Amino acid sequence: MKIYLAGPDVFLPDALAIGRRKADICTRHGLRGLYPLDNSVDLAAGAASRAIFAGNEAMMDAADAIIANLTPFRGHGADPGTVYELGYMAGRRKLCLGYSNDPSTYAERVRRSTEVKEANGRLVDPQGLTVEDFGLSDNLMMIHALERYGCALVRPRLRPDDLWHDLTAFETCVRLAAERL
């Protein structure tokens, strides 16, 4: 069975090494990890972004499931590309699993970095926009898609020292995928 390995890991300085580690974990559990950087793309080519998109979509089409790294990336929430990939797979009714190495809720993260206040029984940011506060790790659409098409988001009780290289929650997802596939 093939698992598409989605996440902002592709932006890490050691992205290829982390991809190999993830693929090795999949192999140990009898699965094949498909990592986006396995696609060969000439980044200097004029249509590189389209080639990346097409290659990743082809990998997702070939996969039986997705494991999405939804650890907050460059902001309060998950990487938008990863969110697209999760939605793509959920839309095809494939097995969807996800993890975040940040155990806090979305609202907690917003509170830590933005001045928010209570107004009319809701949490609002400085622009008066409602901050989603359902006690979830991220946007409700992602969290409930995981529950519906796989299992609840996997999170550690405590934030690991190395947010981007700790693969404990990832390996939990791989075990869950192996049990279900």
Protein backbone atom coordinates (compact mmCIF):
# COMPACT_ATOMS: atom_id res chain seq x y z
CA MET A 1 0.00 0.00 0.00
CA LYS A 2 1.21 3.49 -0.84
CA ILE A 3 1.08 6.50 1.46
CA TYR A 4 1.48 10.08 0.19
CA LEU A 5 3.68 11.95 2.71
CA ALA A 6 2.42 15.53 2.72
CA GLY A 7 3.81 18.43 4.68
CA PRO A 8 6.06 21.43 4.82
CA ASP A 9 9.00 19.08 5.44
CA VAL A 10 9.91 19.69 1.78
CA PHE A 11 11.06 23.18 2.78
CA LEU A 12 13.51 22.02 5.47
CA PRO A 13 17.24 22.37 4.75
CA ASP A 14 17.51 18.57 5.09
CA ALA A 15 14.27 17.83 3.24
CA LEU A 16 15.63 14.81 1.36
CA ALA A 17 16.96 13.23 4.54
CA ILE A 18 13.68 13.69 6.41
CA GLY A 19 11.84 12.20 3.42
CA ARG A 20 14.13 9.15 3.50
CA ARG A 21 13.53 8.76 7.25
CA LYS A 22 9.77 8.89 6.72
CA ALA A 23 9.91 6.43 3.81
CA ASP A 24 12.04 4.05 5.91
CA ILE A 25 9.46 4.16 8.72
CA CYS A 26 6.75 3.33 6.20
CA THR A 27 8.81 0.41 4.84
CA ARG A 28 9.28 -1.00 8.36
CA HIS A 29 5.49 -1.13 8.65
CA GLY A 30 4.96 -2.79 5.26
CA LEU A 31 3.96 0.40 3.44
CA ARG A 32 5.52 2.48 0.68
CA GLY A 33 5.97 6.17 1.38
CA LEU A 34 5.61 8.55 -1.56
CA TYR A 35 7.49 11.75 -0.76
CA PRO A 36 6.90 14.82 -2.97
CA LEU A 37 10.64 15.36 -3.53
CA ASP A 38 10.83 11.91 -5.12
CA ASN A 39 9.54 13.68 -8.24
CA SER A 40 12.36 14.89 -10.46
CA VAL A 41 11.73 18.52 -11.40
CA ASP A 42 14.09 21.05 -12.93
CA LEU A 43 13.48 24.02 -10.62
CA ALA A 44 15.09 26.37 -13.16
CA ALA A 45 12.54 25.43 -15.83
CA GLY A 46 9.86 27.99 -16.62
CA ALA A 47 7.03 25.62 -15.75
CA ALA A 48 8.62 24.15 -12.60
CA SER A 49 5.67 25.01 -10.37
CA ARG A 50 3.22 23.28 -12.74
CA ALA A 51 5.50 20.24 -12.94
CA ILE A 52 5.61 20.04 -9.13
CA PHE A 53 1.81 20.34 -8.94
CA ALA A 54 1.26 17.66 -11.60
CA GLY A 55 3.82 15.32 -10.07
CA ASN A 56 2.35 15.64 -6.59
CA GLU A 57 -1.19 15.15 -7.87
CA ALA A 58 -0.10 12.02 -9.76
CA MET A 59 1.49 10.69 -6.58
CA MET A 60 -1.71 11.34 -4.64
CA ASP A 61 -3.75 9.59 -7.33
CA ALA A 62 -1.46 6.55 -7.05
CA ALA A 63 -1.57 6.53 -3.23
CA ASP A 64 -4.01 4.64 -1.04
CA ALA A 65 -3.73 7.12 1.82
CA ILE A 66 -2.17 10.37 2.99
CA ILE A 67 -0.27 11.25 6.13
CA ALA A 68 -0.26 15.03 6.43
CA ASN A 69 2.14 16.96 8.64
CA LEU A 70 -0.17 19.69 9.94
CA THR A 71 2.32 21.22 12.36
CA PRO A 72 1.78 25.01 12.14
CA PHE A 73 4.03 26.43 9.43
CA ARG A 74 4.87 30.12 8.93
CA GLY A 75 1.88 31.18 10.96
CA HIS A 76 -0.87 29.96 13.26
CA GLY A 77 -2.00 27.04 11.13
CA ALA A 78 -0.94 24.28 8.79
CA ASP A 79 0.88 24.77 5.50
CA PRO A 80 -1.71 25.69 2.81
CA GLY A 81 -0.25 23.27 0.26
CA THR A 82 -0.57 20.43 2.73
CA VAL A 83 -4.14 21.48 3.50
CA TYR A 84 -4.93 21.32 -0.24
CA GLU A 85 -3.41 17.84 -0.44
CA LEU A 86 -5.45 16.64 2.54
CA GLY A 87 -8.61 18.01 0.94
CA TYR A 88 -7.72 16.41 -2.39
CA MET A 89 -7.36 13.00 -0.76
CA ALA A 90 -10.48 13.39 1.39
CA GLY A 91 -12.41 14.35 -1.73
CA ARG A 92 -11.36 11.04 -3.26
CA ARG A 93 -12.43 9.20 -0.09
CA LYS A 94 -8.92 7.89 0.54
CA LEU A 95 -7.64 7.14 4.02
CA CYS A 96 -6.55 10.42 5.63
CA LEU A 97 -4.25 10.65 8.62
CA GLY A 98 -2.51 13.66 10.03
CA TYR A 99 -0.32 14.82 12.85
CA SER A 100 0.92 18.00 14.44
CA ASN A 101 3.96 18.26 16.67
CA ASP A 102 2.41 21.32 18.30
CA PRO A 103 -0.07 20.14 20.96
CA SER A 104 -1.68 23.57 21.44
CA THR A 105 -5.01 24.61 19.98
CA TYR A 106 -5.38 27.10 17.15
CA ALA A 107 -6.91 29.71 19.47
CA GLU A 108 -4.04 29.30 21.96
CA ARG A 109 -1.51 29.99 19.21
CA VAL A 110 -3.41 33.06 18.04
CA ARG A 111 -3.65 34.35 21.63
CA ARG A 112 0.12 33.98 22.08
CA SER A 113 0.99 36.02 19.01
CA THR A 114 -1.89 38.44 18.51
CA GLU A 115 -3.81 40.74 20.79
CA VAL A 116 -7.27 39.20 20.92
CA LYS A 117 -10.31 40.09 22.97
CA GLU A 118 -13.78 38.83 23.77
CA ALA A 119 -16.58 40.62 21.93
CA ASN A 120 -20.21 39.53 21.87
CA GLY A 121 -19.30 36.11 23.24
CA ARG A 122 -16.60 35.39 20.68
CA LEU A 123 -12.86 35.76 20.39
CA VAL A 124 -11.82 38.47 17.90
CA ASP A 125 -8.52 39.70 16.53
CA PRO A 126 -7.46 43.39 16.28
CA GLN A 127 -9.37 43.72 12.99
CA GLY A 128 -12.58 42.51 14.64
CA LEU A 129 -12.48 39.17 12.82
CA THR A 130 -13.62 36.08 14.69
CA VAL A 131 -10.89 33.66 15.76
CA GLU A 132 -12.07 30.08 15.36
CA ASP A 133 -12.16 28.68 18.90
CA PHE A 134 -13.58 25.18 19.10
CA GLY A 135 -10.66 23.82 21.12
CA LEU A 136 -9.24 22.20 17.97
CA SER A 137 -5.65 22.11 16.73
CA ASP A 138 -6.51 23.88 13.50
CA ASN A 139 -9.41 24.73 11.23
CA LEU A 140 -12.44 22.53 11.87
CA MET A 141 -12.66 21.42 8.24
CA MET A 142 -9.27 19.71 8.38
CA ILE A 143 -9.75 18.22 11.82
CA HIS A 144 -13.15 16.74 11.01
CA ALA A 145 -12.02 15.53 7.57
CA LEU A 146 -9.35 13.49 9.35
CA GLU A 147 -11.95 12.07 11.73
CA ARG A 148 -14.34 11.22 8.90
CA TYR A 149 -11.83 9.74 6.45
CA GLY A 150 -9.25 8.30 8.82
CA CYS A 151 -8.75 9.07 12.47
CA ALA A 152 -8.33 11.98 14.83
CA LEU A 153 -5.29 14.22 14.47
CA VAL A 154 -2.28 12.70 16.25
CA ARG A 155 -0.57 15.13 18.65
CA PRO A 156 1.97 14.73 21.43
CA ARG A 157 1.03 15.68 24.99
CA LEU A 158 4.12 17.92 25.12
CA ARG A 159 5.78 19.84 22.31
CA PRO A 160 8.96 17.97 21.23
CA ASP A 161 12.30 19.74 21.43
CA ASP A 162 12.74 19.45 17.65
CA LEU A 163 9.41 20.34 16.07
CA TRP A 164 10.46 19.42 12.53
CA HIS A 165 12.55 16.29 13.06
CA ASP A 166 10.68 14.43 15.79
CA LEU A 167 8.83 11.68 13.94
CA THR A 168 7.05 10.06 16.91
CA ALA A 169 3.58 11.32 15.91
CA PHE A 170 4.32 10.51 12.25
CA GLU A 171 5.18 6.92 13.15
CA THR A 172 1.92 6.64 15.10
CA CYS A 173 0.11 7.62 11.90
CA VAL A 174 2.08 5.03 9.93
CA ARG A 175 1.08 2.32 12.44
CA LEU A 176 -2.57 3.39 12.17
CA ALA A 177 -2.38 3.32 8.36
CA ALA A 178 -0.81 -0.15 8.40
CA GLU A 179 -3.61 -1.43 10.63
CA ARG A 180 -6.32 0.02 8.37
CA LEU A 181 -4.82 -0.82 5.00
